Amino acid sequence: MTNDENDDLWAAIDRLRAWLDENNRRPPQEALLLRVLKLSEEVGEVAEAVIGAVGQNPRKGHSHTWQDVESELCDVVVTALVALSTLSPDARGTLRAHLAGLTERAAG
């Protein structure tokens, strides 16, 4: 990801968070908790799409495509980044540091 793409990503996340904040009618702590809980909903939609893509549910058959799974995974990523940016004043730095730790461990 180039610096411009990274900046575009975080600018979009900031816009989404601002939109949610503007339309929020709950106390800040409750809004944060609900944004984190929203991840569970989105992950459930990934599972539903995978089940539909492989036709696991005999009643529904092949109700989803692998492109649906990709879309739902993107929703998980965006929801997580919005929640992270709500929680952390330096979401970029938090993610960068965490990713560095993960890649360092993976490199062994």
PDB file of N, CA and C in Angstrom:
ATOM      1  N   MET A   1       0.849  -1.172   0.000  1.00  0.00           N
ATOM      2  CA  MET A   1       0.000   0.000   0.000  1.00  0.00           C
ATOM      3  C   MET A   1       0.894   1.235   0.000  1.00  0.00           C
ATOM      4  N   THR A   2       0.661   2.138  -0.934  1.00  0.00           N
ATOM      5  CA  THR A   2       1.439   3.371  -0.988  1.00  0.00           C
ATOM      6  C   THR A   2       0.992   4.309   0.128  1.00  0.00           C
ATOM      7  N   ASN A   3       1.816   5.327   0.378  1.00  0.00           N
ATOM      8  CA  ASN A   3       1.443   6.314   1.393  1.00  0.00           C
ATOM      9  C   ASN A   3       0.131   6.997   1.047  1.00  0.00           C
ATOM     10  N   ASP A   4      -0.082   7.292  -0.255  1.00  0.00           N
ATOM     11  CA  ASP A   4      -1.333   7.923  -0.676  1.00  0.00           C
ATOM     12  C   ASP A   4      -2.523   7.004  -0.417  1.00  0.00           C
ATOM     13  N   GLU A   5      -2.361   5.714  -0.729  1.00  0.00           N
ATOM     14  CA  GLU A   5      -3.453   4.755  -0.475  1.00  0.00           C
ATOM     15  C   GLU A   5      -3.720   4.614   1.013  1.00  0.00           C
ATOM     16  N   ASN A   6      -2.649   4.600   1.805  1.00  0.00           N
ATOM     17  CA  ASN A   6      -2.788   4.520   3.255  1.00  0.00           C
ATOM     18  C   ASN A   6      -3.511   5.757   3.790  1.00  0.00           C
ATOM     19  N   ASP A   7      -3.126   6.931   3.275  1.00  0.00           N
ATOM     20  CA  ASP A   7      -3.787   8.168   3.692  1.00  0.00           C
ATOM     21  C   ASP A   7      -5.256   8.159   3.293  1.00  0.00           C
ATOM     22  N   ASP A   8      -5.550   7.664   2.068  1.00  0.00           N
ATOM     23  CA  ASP A   8      -6.940   7.580   1.603  1.00  0.00           C
ATOM     24  C   ASP A   8      -7.758   6.656   2.490  1.00  0.00           C
ATOM     25  N   LEU A   9      -7.175   5.517   2.866  1.00  0.00           N
ATOM     26  CA  LEU A   9      -7.864   4.572   3.740  1.00  0.00           C
ATOM     27  C   LEU A   9      -8.228   5.239   5.059  1.00  0.00           C
ATOM     28  N   TRP A  10      -7.238   5.853   5.705  1.00  0.00           N
ATOM     29  CA  TRP A  10      -7.493   6.456   7.013  1.00  0.00           C
ATOM     30  C   TRP A  10      -8.399   7.671   6.907  1.00  0.00           C
ATOM     31  N   ALA A  11      -8.333   8.411   5.793  1.00  0.00           N
ATOM     32  CA  ALA A  11      -9.258   9.533   5.605  1.00  0.00           C
ATOM     33  C   ALA A  11     -10.691   9.020   5.505  1.00  0.00           C
ATOM     34  N   ALA A  12     -10.872   7.902   4.804  1.00  0.00           N
ATOM     35  CA  ALA A  12     -12.209   7.304   4.698  1.00  0.00           C
ATOM     36  C   ALA A  12     -12.690   6.814   6.061  1.00  0.00           C
ATOM     37  N   ILE A  13     -11.811   6.191   6.819  1.00  0.00           N
ATOM     38  CA  ILE A  13     -12.163   5.722   8.165  1.00  0.00           C
ATOM     39  C   ILE A  13     -12.548   6.917   9.032  1.00  0.00           C
ATOM     40  N   ASP A  14     -11.779   7.998   8.946  1.00  0.00           N
ATOM     41  CA  ASP A  14     -12.096   9.203   9.726  1.00  0.00           C
ATOM     42  C   ASP A  14     -13.453   9.781   9.339  1.00  0.00           C
ATOM     43  N   ARG A  15     -13.773   9.764   8.038  1.00  0.00           N
ATOM     44  CA  ARG A  15     -15.088  10.269   7.596  1.00  0.00           C
ATOM     45  C   ARG A  15     -16.218   9.392   8.123  1.00  0.00           C
ATOM     46  N   LEU A  16     -16.029   8.085   8.048  1.00  0.00           N
ATOM     47  CA  LEU A  16     -17.063   7.172   8.559  1.00  0.00           C
ATOM     48  C   LEU A  16     -17.260   7.346  10.062  1.00  0.00           C
ATOM     49  N   ARG A  17     -16.153   7.454  10.791  1.00  0.00           N
ATOM     50  CA  ARG A  17     -16.262   7.658  12.239  1.00  0.00           C
ATOM     51  C   ARG A  17     -16.962   8.979  12.554  1.00  0.00           C
ATOM     52  N   ALA A  18     -16.622  10.029  11.821  1.00  0.00           N
ATOM     53  CA  ALA A  18     -17.261  11.333  12.040  1.00  0.00           C
ATOM     54  C   ALA A  18     -18.756  11.250  11.749  1.00  0.00           C
ATOM     55  N   TRP A  19     -19.128  10.561  10.679  1.00  0.00           N
ATOM     56  CA  TRP A  19     -20.545  10.399  10.337  1.00  0.00           C
ATOM     57  C   TRP A  19     -21.275   9.656  11.459  1.00  0.00           C
ATOM     58  N   LEU A  20     -20.660   8.586  11.956  1.00  0.00           N
ATOM     59  CA  LEU A  20     -21.268   7.850  13.066  1.00  0.00           C
ATOM     60  C   LEU A  20     -21.370   8.727  14.310  1.00  0.00           C
ATOM     61  N   ASP A  21     -20.327   9.491  14.599  1.00  0.00           N
ATOM     62  CA  ASP A  21     -20.343  10.374  15.764  1.00  0.00           C
ATOM     63  C   ASP A  21     -21.452  11.424  15.653  1.00  0.00           C
ATOM     64  N   GLU A  22     -21.606  11.986  14.459  1.00  0.00           N
ATOM     65  CA  GLU A  22     -22.638  13.013  14.253  1.00  0.00           C
ATOM     66  C   GLU A  22     -24.045  12.454  14.441  1.00  0.00           C
ATOM     67  N   ASN A  23     -24.220  11.191  14.144  1.00  0.00           N
ATOM     68  CA  ASN A  23     -25.541  10.573  14.231  1.00  0.00           C
ATOM     69  C   ASN A  23     -25.725   9.741  15.499  1.00  0.00           C
ATOM     70  N   ASN A  24     -24.771   9.820  16.399  1.00  0.00           N
ATOM     71  CA  ASN A  24     -24.828   9.051  17.639  1.00  0.00           C
ATOM     72  C   ASN A  24     -25.655   9.803  18.678  1.00  0.00           C
ATOM     73  N   ARG A  25     -26.547   9.091  19.326  1.00  0.00           N
ATOM     74  CA  ARG A  25     -27.368   9.675  20.391  1.00  0.00           C
ATOM     75  C   ARG A  25     -27.077   9.020  21.745  1.00  0.00           C
ATOM     76  N   ARG A  26     -26.004   8.280  21.811  1.00  0.00           N
ATOM     77  CA  ARG A  26     -25.671   7.552  23.040  1.00  0.00           C
ATOM     78  C   ARG A  26     -24.434   8.179  23.684  1.00  0.00           C
ATOM     79  N   PRO A  27     -24.250   7.926  24.978  1.00  0.00           N
ATOM     80  CA  PRO A  27     -23.023   8.410  25.626  1.00  0.00           C
ATOM     81  C   PRO A  27     -21.797   7.814  24.931  1.00  0.00           C
ATOM     82  N   PRO A  28     -20.671   8.531  24.922  1.00  0.00           N
ATOM     83  CA  PRO A  28     -19.475   8.071  24.197  1.00  0.00           C
ATOM     84  C   PRO A  28     -19.029   6.655  24.554  1.00  0.00           C
ATOM     85  N   GLN A  29     -19.047   6.297  25.827  1.00  0.00           N
ATOM     86  CA  GLN A  29     -18.585   4.959  26.222  1.00  0.00           C
ATOM     87  C   GLN A  29     -19.512   3.883  25.660  1.00  0.00           C
ATOM     88  N   GLU A  30     -20.806   4.149  25.682  1.00  0.00           N
ATOM     89  CA  GLU A  30     -21.768   3.189  25.129  1.00  0.00           C
ATOM     90  C   GLU A  30     -21.604   3.075  23.617  1.00  0.00           C
ATOM     91  N   ALA A  31     -21.378   4.195  22.954  1.00  0.00           N
ATOM     92  CA  ALA A  31     -21.167   4.178  21.502  1.00  0.00           C
ATOM     93  C   ALA A  31     -19.938   3.347  21.153  1.00  0.00           C
ATOM     94  N   LEU A  32     -18.874   3.509  21.927  1.00  0.00           N
ATOM     95  CA  LEU A  32     -17.655   2.723  21.697  1.00  0.00           C
ATOM     96  C   LEU A  32     -17.941   1.235  21.862  1.00  0.00           C
ATOM     97  N   LEU A  33     -18.624   0.872  22.932  1.00  0.00           N
ATOM     98  CA  LEU A  33     -18.934  -0.544  23.163  1.00  0.00           C
ATOM     99  C   LEU A  33     -19.772  -1.112  22.023  1.00  0.00           C
ATOM    100  N   LEU A  34     -20.728  -0.350  21.540  1.00  0.00           N
ATOM    101  CA  LEU A  34     -21.566  -0.827  20.442  1.00  0.00           C
ATOM    102  C   LEU A  34     -20.778  -0.963  19.149  1.00  0.00           C
ATOM    103  N   ARG A  35     -19.803  -0.078  18.929  1.00  0.00           N
ATOM    104  CA  ARG A  35     -18.958  -0.207  17.737  1.00  0.00           C
ATOM    105  C   ARG A  35     -18.102  -1.462  17.804  1.00  0.00           C
ATOM    106  N   VAL A  36     -17.623  -1.794  18.981  1.00  0.00           N
ATOM    107  CA  VAL A  36     -16.844  -3.022  19.133  1.00  0.00           C
ATOM    108  C   VAL A  36     -17.761  -4.230  18.946  1.00  0.00           C
ATOM    109  N   LEU A  37     -18.955  -4.195  19.524  1.00  0.00           N
ATOM    110  CA  LEU A  37     -19.902  -5.304  19.364  1.00  0.00           C
ATOM    111  C   LEU A  37     -20.348  -5.478  17.916  1.00  0.00           C
ATOM    112  N   LYS A  38     -20.355  -4.400  17.158  1.00  0.00           N
ATOM    113  CA  LYS A  38     -20.732  -4.461  15.744  1.00  0.00           C
ATOM    114  C   LYS A  38     -19.833  -5.447  14.987  1.00  0.00           C
ATOM    115  N   LEU A  39     -18.613  -5.622  15.464  1.00  0.00           N
ATOM    116  CA  LEU A  39     -17.704  -6.592  14.841  1.00  0.00           C
ATOM    117  C   LEU A  39     -18.292  -7.992  14.856  1.00  0.00           C
ATOM    118  N   SER A  40     -18.936  -8.364  15.952  1.00  0.00           N
ATOM    119  CA  SER A  40     -19.544  -9.698  16.040  1.00  0.00           C
ATOM    120  C   SER A  40     -20.611  -9.873  14.970  1.00  0.00           C
ATOM    121  N   GLU A  41     -21.396  -8.846  14.765  1.00  0.00           N
ATOM    122  CA  GLU A  41     -22.424  -8.910  13.721  1.00  0.00           C
ATOM    123  C   GLU A  41     -21.787  -9.105  12.351  1.00  0.00           C
ATOM    124  N   GLU A  42     -20.750  -8.334  12.082  1.00  0.00           N
ATOM    125  CA  GLU A  42     -20.089  -8.418  10.775  1.00  0.00           C
ATOM    126  C   GLU A  42     -19.418  -9.771  10.563  1.00  0.00           C
ATOM    127  N   VAL A  43     -18.788 -10.310  11.594  1.00  0.00           N
ATOM    128  CA  VAL A  43     -18.159 -11.633  11.482  1.00  0.00           C
ATOM    129  C   VAL A  43     -19.232 -12.689  11.226  1.00  0.00           C
ATOM    130  N   GLY A  44     -20.390 -12.549  11.862  1.00  0.00           N
ATOM    131  CA  GLY A  44     -21.499 -13.464  11.608  1.00  0.00           C
ATOM    132  C   GLY A  44     -21.940 -13.421  10.156  1.00  0.00           C
ATOM    133  N   GLU A  45     -21.907 -12.232   9.564  1.00  0.00           N
ATOM    134  CA  GLU A  45     -22.271 -12.113   8.148  1.00  0.00           C
ATOM    135  C   GLU A  45     -21.236 -12.778   7.244  1.00  0.00           C
ATOM    136  N   VAL A  46     -19.962 -12.761   7.650  1.00  0.00           N
ATOM    137  CA  VAL A  46     -18.931 -13.510   6.908  1.00  0.00           C
ATOM    138  C   VAL A  46     -19.263 -14.993   6.949  1.00  0.00           C
ATOM    139  N   ALA A  47     -19.578 -15.492   8.139  1.00  0.00           N
ATOM    140  CA  ALA A  47     -19.904 -16.917   8.286  1.00  0.00           C
ATOM    141  C   ALA A  47     -21.123 -17.276   7.440  1.00  0.00           C
ATOM    142  N   GLU A  48     -22.137 -16.447   7.462  1.00  0.00           N
ATOM    143  CA  GLU A  48     -23.334 -16.700   6.662  1.00  0.00           C
ATOM    144  C   GLU A  48     -22.994 -16.752   5.173  1.00  0.00           C
ATOM    145  N   ALA A  49     -22.136 -15.836   4.729  1.00  0.00           N
ATOM    146  CA  ALA A  49     -21.751 -15.807   3.315  1.00  0.00           C
ATOM    147  C   ALA A  49     -20.944 -17.048   2.933  1.00  0.00           C
ATOM    148  N   VAL A  50     -20.043 -17.498   3.806  1.00  0.00           N
ATOM    149  CA  VAL A  50     -19.261 -18.710   3.515  1.00  0.00           C
ATOM    150  C   VAL A  50     -20.197 -19.911   3.418  1.00  0.00           C
ATOM    151  N   ILE A  51     -21.100 -20.032   4.377  1.00  0.00           N
ATOM    152  CA  ILE A  51     -22.066 -21.142   4.349  1.00  0.00           C
ATOM    153  C   ILE A  51     -22.879 -21.096   3.062  1.00  0.00           C
ATOM    154  N   GLY A  52     -23.277 -19.901   2.661  1.00  0.00           N
ATOM    155  CA  GLY A  52     -24.031 -19.762   1.411  1.00  0.00           C
ATOM    156  C   GLY A  52     -23.192 -20.031   0.178  1.00  0.00           C
ATOM    157  N   ALA A  53     -21.911 -19.682   0.231  1.00  0.00           N
ATOM    158  CA  ALA A  53     -21.032 -19.892  -0.930  1.00  0.00           C
ATOM    159  C   ALA A  53     -20.764 -21.371  -1.177  1.00  0.00           C
ATOM    160  N   VAL A  54     -20.716 -22.158  -0.097  1.00  0.00           N
ATOM    161  CA  VAL A  54     -20.467 -23.590  -0.270  1.00  0.00           C
ATOM    162  C   VAL A  54     -21.763 -24.391  -0.314  1.00  0.00           C
ATOM    163  N   GLY A  55     -22.896 -23.725  -0.125  1.00  0.00           N
ATOM    164  CA  GLY A  55     -24.189 -24.412  -0.198  1.00  0.00           C
ATOM    165  C   GLY A  55     -24.444 -25.344   0.970  1.00  0.00           C
ATOM    166  N   GLN A  56     -23.909 -24.997   2.135  1.00  0.00           N
ATOM    167  CA  GLN A  56     -24.014 -25.870   3.305  1.00  0.00           C
ATOM    168  C   GLN A  56     -25.444 -25.995   3.824  1.00  0.00           C
ATOM    169  N   ASN A  57     -26.236 -24.945   3.695  1.00  0.00           N
ATOM    170  CA  ASN A  57     -27.614 -24.983   4.196  1.00  0.00           C
ATOM    171  C   ASN A  57     -28.517 -25.560   3.110  1.00  0.00           C
ATOM    172  N   PRO A  58     -29.043 -26.771   3.300  1.00  0.00           N
ATOM    173  CA  PRO A  58     -29.860 -27.400   2.258  1.00  0.00           C
ATOM    174  C   PRO A  58     -31.117 -26.589   1.912  1.00  0.00           C
ATOM    175  N   ARG A  59     -31.620 -25.852   2.867  1.00  0.00           N
ATOM    176  CA  ARG A  59     -32.818 -25.053   2.616  1.00  0.00           C
ATOM    177  C   ARG A  59     -32.525 -23.860   1.703  1.00  0.00           C
ATOM    178  N   LYS A  60     -31.337 -23.277   1.834  1.00  0.00           N
ATOM    179  CA  LYS A  60     -30.998 -22.088   1.054  1.00  0.00           C
ATOM    180  C   LYS A  60     -30.126 -22.397  -0.156  1.00  0.00           C
ATOM    181  N   GLY A  61     -29.398 -23.505  -0.109  1.00  0.00           N
ATOM    182  CA  GLY A  61     -28.507 -23.831  -1.223  1.00  0.00           C
ATOM    183  C   GLY A  61     -27.374 -22.825  -1.345  1.00  0.00           C
ATOM    184  N   HIS A  62     -26.957 -22.597  -2.575  1.00  0.00           N
ATOM    185  CA  HIS A  62     -25.871 -21.645  -2.851  1.00  0.00           C
ATOM    186  C   HIS A  62     -26.459 -20.237  -2.893  1.00  0.00           C
ATOM    187  N   SER A  63     -26.563 -19.634  -1.729  1.00  0.00           N
ATOM    188  CA  SER A  63     -27.213 -18.326  -1.605  1.00  0.00           C
ATOM    189  C   SER A  63     -26.235 -17.156  -1.688  1.00  0.00           C
ATOM    190  N   HIS A  64     -24.937 -17.425  -1.655  1.00  0.00           N
ATOM    191  CA  HIS A  64     -23.923 -16.378  -1.695  1.00  0.00           C
ATOM    192  C   HIS A  64     -22.798 -16.794  -2.641  1.00  0.00           C
ATOM    193  N   THR A  65     -21.979 -15.819  -2.988  1.00  0.00           N
ATOM    194  CA  THR A  65     -20.799 -16.067  -3.817  1.00  0.00           C
ATOM    195  C   THR A  65     -19.548 -15.773  -2.985  1.00  0.00           C
ATOM    196  N   TRP A  66     -18.405 -16.158  -3.533  1.00  0.00           N
ATOM    197  CA  TRP A  66     -17.159 -15.827  -2.845  1.00  0.00           C
ATOM    198  C   TRP A  66     -16.905 -14.322  -2.881  1.00  0.00           C
ATOM    199  N   GLN A  67     -17.471 -13.639  -3.853  1.00  0.00           N
ATOM    200  CA  GLN A  67     -17.382 -12.177  -3.861  1.00  0.00           C
ATOM    201  C   GLN A  67     -18.179 -11.593  -2.688  1.00  0.00           C
ATOM    202  N   ASP A  68     -19.286 -12.241  -2.321  1.00  0.00           N
ATOM    203  CA  ASP A  68     -20.028 -11.822  -1.131  1.00  0.00           C
ATOM    204  C   ASP A  68     -19.164 -11.977   0.119  1.00  0.00           C
ATOM    205  N   VAL A  69     -18.405 -13.066   0.177  1.00  0.00           N
ATOM    206  CA  VAL A  69     -17.509 -13.290   1.318  1.00  0.00           C
ATOM    207  C   VAL A  69     -16.461 -12.178   1.372  1.00  0.00           C
ATOM    208  N   GLU A  70     -15.885 -11.846   0.218  1.00  0.00           N
ATOM    209  CA  GLU A  70     -14.903 -10.762   0.166  1.00  0.00           C
ATOM    210  C   GLU A  70     -15.507  -9.459   0.687  1.00  0.00           C
ATOM    211  N   SER A  71     -16.706  -9.157   0.246  1.00  0.00           N
ATOM    212  CA  SER A  71     -17.381  -7.931   0.676  1.00  0.00           C
ATOM    213  C   SER A  71     -17.624  -7.917   2.181  1.00  0.00           C
ATOM    214  N   GLU A  72     -18.057  -9.042   2.711  1.00  0.00           N
ATOM    215  CA  GLU A  72     -18.304  -9.127   4.155  1.00  0.00           C
ATOM    216  C   GLU A  72     -17.004  -9.010   4.939  1.00  0.00           C
ATOM    217  N   LEU A  73     -15.919  -9.587   4.418  1.00  0.00           N
ATOM    218  CA  LEU A  73     -14.621  -9.434   5.078  1.00  0.00           C
ATOM    219  C   LEU A  73     -14.184  -7.970   5.083  1.00  0.00           C
ATOM    220  N   CYS A  74     -14.442  -7.264   3.996  1.00  0.00           N
ATOM    221  CA  CYS A  74     -14.130  -5.831   3.957  1.00  0.00           C
ATOM    222  C   CYS A  74     -14.929  -5.081   5.022  1.00  0.00           C
ATOM    223  N   ASP A  75     -16.195  -5.464   5.199  1.00  0.00           N
ATOM    224  CA  ASP A  75     -17.007  -4.837   6.245  1.00  0.00           C
ATOM    225  C   ASP A  75     -16.399  -5.064   7.626  1.00  0.00           C
ATOM    226  N   VAL A  76     -15.852  -6.264   7.850  1.00  0.00           N
ATOM    227  CA  VAL A  76     -15.201  -6.558   9.134  1.00  0.00           C
ATOM    228  C   VAL A  76     -13.995  -5.638   9.325  1.00  0.00           C
ATOM    229  N   VAL A  77     -13.170  -5.511   8.295  1.00  0.00           N
ATOM    230  CA  VAL A  77     -11.970  -4.680   8.390  1.00  0.00           C
ATOM    231  C   VAL A  77     -12.347  -3.219   8.664  1.00  0.00           C
ATOM    232  N   VAL A  78     -13.299  -2.690   7.911  1.00  0.00           N
ATOM    233  CA  VAL A  78     -13.709  -1.296   8.086  1.00  0.00           C
ATOM    234  C   VAL A  78     -14.306  -1.091   9.475  1.00  0.00           C
ATOM    235  N   THR A  79     -15.161  -2.000   9.897  1.00  0.00           N
ATOM    236  CA  THR A  79     -15.771  -1.886  11.224  1.00  0.00           C
ATOM    237  C   THR A  79     -14.709  -1.911  12.311  1.00  0.00           C
ATOM    238  N   ALA A  80     -13.707  -2.772  12.165  1.00  0.00           N
ATOM    239  CA  ALA A  80     -12.626  -2.850  13.149  1.00  0.00           C
ATOM    240  C   ALA A  80     -11.807  -1.561  13.161  1.00  0.00           C
ATOM    241  N   LEU A  81     -11.520  -1.018  11.988  1.00  0.00           N
ATOM    242  CA  LEU A  81     -10.734   0.218  11.939  1.00  0.00           C
ATOM    243  C   LEU A  81     -11.504   1.397  12.512  1.00  0.00           C
ATOM    244  N   VAL A  82     -12.804   1.453  12.270  1.00  0.00           N
ATOM    245  CA  VAL A  82     -13.618   2.520  12.862  1.00  0.00           C
ATOM    246  C   VAL A  82     -13.630   2.383  14.388  1.00  0.00           C
ATOM    247  N   ALA A  83     -13.800   1.167  14.874  1.00  0.00           N
ATOM    248  CA  ALA A  83     -13.784   0.943  16.326  1.00  0.00           C
ATOM    249  C   ALA A  83     -12.419   1.312  16.909  1.00  0.00           C
ATOM    250  N   LEU A  84     -11.347   0.901  16.231  1.00  0.00           N
ATOM    251  CA  LEU A  84      -9.999   1.223  16.702  1.00  0.00           C
ATOM    252  C   LEU A  84      -9.787   2.731  16.729  1.00  0.00           C
ATOM    253  N   SER A  85     -10.234   3.422  15.682  1.00  0.00           N
ATOM    254  CA  SER A  85     -10.034   4.870  15.644  1.00  0.00           C
ATOM    255  C   SER A  85     -10.907   5.587  16.680  1.00  0.00           C
ATOM    256  N   THR A  86     -11.997   4.967  17.087  1.00  0.00           N
ATOM    257  CA  THR A  86     -12.826   5.523  18.147  1.00  0.00           C
ATOM    258  C   THR A  86     -12.131   5.356  19.496  1.00  0.00           C
ATOM    259  N   LEU A  87     -11.472   4.235  19.674  1.00  0.00           N
ATOM    260  CA  LEU A  87     -10.827   3.913  20.945  1.00  0.00           C
ATOM    261  C   LEU A  87      -9.467   4.589  21.106  1.00  0.00           C
ATOM    262  N   SER A  88      -8.695   4.612  20.037  1.00  0.00           N
ATOM    263  CA  SER A  88      -7.310   5.078  20.114  1.00  0.00           C
ATOM    264  C   SER A  88      -7.138   6.430  19.430  1.00  0.00           C
ATOM    265  N   PRO A  89      -6.540   7.393  20.135  1.00  0.00           N
ATOM    266  CA  PRO A  89      -6.280   8.677  19.473  1.00  0.00           C
ATOM    267  C   PRO A  89      -5.242   8.560  18.361  1.00  0.00           C
ATOM    268  N   ASP A  90      -4.444   7.494  18.379  1.00  0.00           N
ATOM    269  CA  ASP A  90      -3.452   7.251  17.326  1.00  0.00           C
ATOM    270  C   ASP A  90      -3.677   5.859  16.743  1.00  0.00           C
ATOM    271  N   ALA A  91      -4.819   5.689  16.097  1.00  0.00           N
ATOM    272  CA  ALA A  91      -5.173   4.374  15.546  1.00  0.00           C
ATOM    273  C   ALA A  91      -4.132   3.900  14.543  1.00  0.00           C
ATOM    274  N   ARG A  92      -3.622   4.790  13.712  1.00  0.00           N
ATOM    275  CA  ARG A  92      -2.602   4.406  12.730  1.00  0.00           C
ATOM    276  C   ARG A  92      -1.369   3.827  13.426  1.00  0.00           C
ATOM    277  N   GLY A  93      -0.894   4.547  14.414  1.00  0.00           N
ATOM    278  CA  GLY A  93       0.292   4.099  15.142  1.00  0.00           C
ATOM    279  C   GLY A  93       0.034   2.805  15.893  1.00  0.00           C
ATOM    280  N   THR A  94      -1.151   2.685  16.470  1.00  0.00           N
ATOM    281  CA  THR A  94      -1.513   1.472  17.191  1.00  0.00           C
ATOM    282  C   THR A  94      -1.504   0.274  16.258  1.00  0.00           C
ATOM    283  N   LEU A  95      -2.128   0.433  15.087  1.00  0.00           N
ATOM    284  CA  LEU A  95      -2.163  -0.658  14.116  1.00  0.00           C
ATOM    285  C   LEU A  95      -0.767  -0.964  13.585  1.00  0.00           C
ATOM    286  N   ARG A  96      -0.013   0.072  13.273  1.00  0.00           N
ATOM    287  CA  ARG A  96       1.345  -0.122  12.748  1.00  0.00           C
ATOM    288  C   ARG A  96       2.201  -0.904  13.743  1.00  0.00           C
ATOM    289  N   ALA A  97       2.159  -0.527  15.021  1.00  0.00           N
ATOM    290  CA  ALA A  97       2.956  -1.202  16.037  1.00  0.00           C
ATOM    291  C   ALA A  97       2.502  -2.645  16.227  1.00  0.00           C
ATOM    292  N   HIS A  98       1.203  -2.862  16.226  1.00  0.00           N
ATOM    293  CA  HIS A  98       0.694  -4.223  16.405  1.00  0.00           C
ATOM    294  C   HIS A  98       1.082  -5.109  15.218  1.00  0.00           C
ATOM    295  N   LEU A  99       0.944  -4.568  14.017  1.00  0.00           N
ATOM    296  CA  LEU A  99       1.306  -5.321  12.815  1.00  0.00           C
ATOM    297  C   LEU A  99       2.799  -5.643  12.799  1.00  0.00           C
ATOM    298  N   ALA A 100       3.625  -4.704  13.250  1.00  0.00           N
ATOM    299  CA  ALA A 100       5.064  -4.974  13.319  1.00  0.00           C
ATOM    300  C   ALA A 100       5.357  -6.122  14.272  1.00  0.00           C
ATOM    301  N   GLY A 101       4.672  -6.157  15.397  1.00  0.00           N
ATOM    302  CA  GLY A 101       4.858  -7.258  16.343  1.00  0.00           C
ATOM    303  C   GLY A 101       4.431  -8.586  15.771  1.00  0.00           C
ATOM    304  N   LEU A 102       3.302  -8.594  15.058  1.00  0.00           N
ATOM    305  CA  LEU A 102       2.823  -9.826  14.427  1.00  0.00           C
ATOM    306  C   LEU A 102       3.796 -10.339  13.377  1.00  0.00           C
ATOM    307  N   THR A 103       4.274  -9.432  12.527  1.00  0.00           N
ATOM    308  CA  THR A 103       5.183  -9.860  11.465  1.00  0.00           C
ATOM    309  C   THR A 103       6.532 -10.290  12.029  1.00  0.00           C
ATOM    310  N   GLU A 104       6.958  -9.671  13.110  1.00  0.00           N
ATOM    311  CA  GLU A 104       8.212 -10.082  13.750  1.00  0.00           C
ATOM    312  C   GLU A 104       8.085 -11.493  14.314  1.00  0.00           C
ATOM    313  N   ARG A 105       6.972 -11.783  14.962  1.00  0.00           N
ATOM    314  CA  ARG A 105       6.749 -13.132  15.503  1.00  0.00           C
ATOM    315  C   ARG A 105       6.649 -14.162  14.377  1.00  0.00           C
ATOM    316  N   ALA A 106       5.997 -13.778  13.282  1.00  0.00           N
ATOM    317  CA  ALA A 106       5.824 -14.702  12.166  1.00  0.00           C
ATOM    318  C   ALA A 106       7.168 -15.011  11.502  1.00  0.00           C
ATOM    319  N   ALA A 107       8.072 -14.039  11.528  1.00  0.00           N
ATOM    320  CA  ALA A 107       9.389 -14.248  10.918  1.00  0.00           C
ATOM    321  C   ALA A 107      10.261 -15.181  11.777  1.00  0.00           C
ATOM    322  N   GLY A 108       9.847 -15.354  13.029  1.00  0.00           N
ATOM    323  CA  GLY A 108      10.509 -16.317  13.907  1.00  0.00           C
ATOM    324  C   GLY A 108      11.807 -15.862  14.432  1.00  0.00           C
TER     325      GLY A 108
END
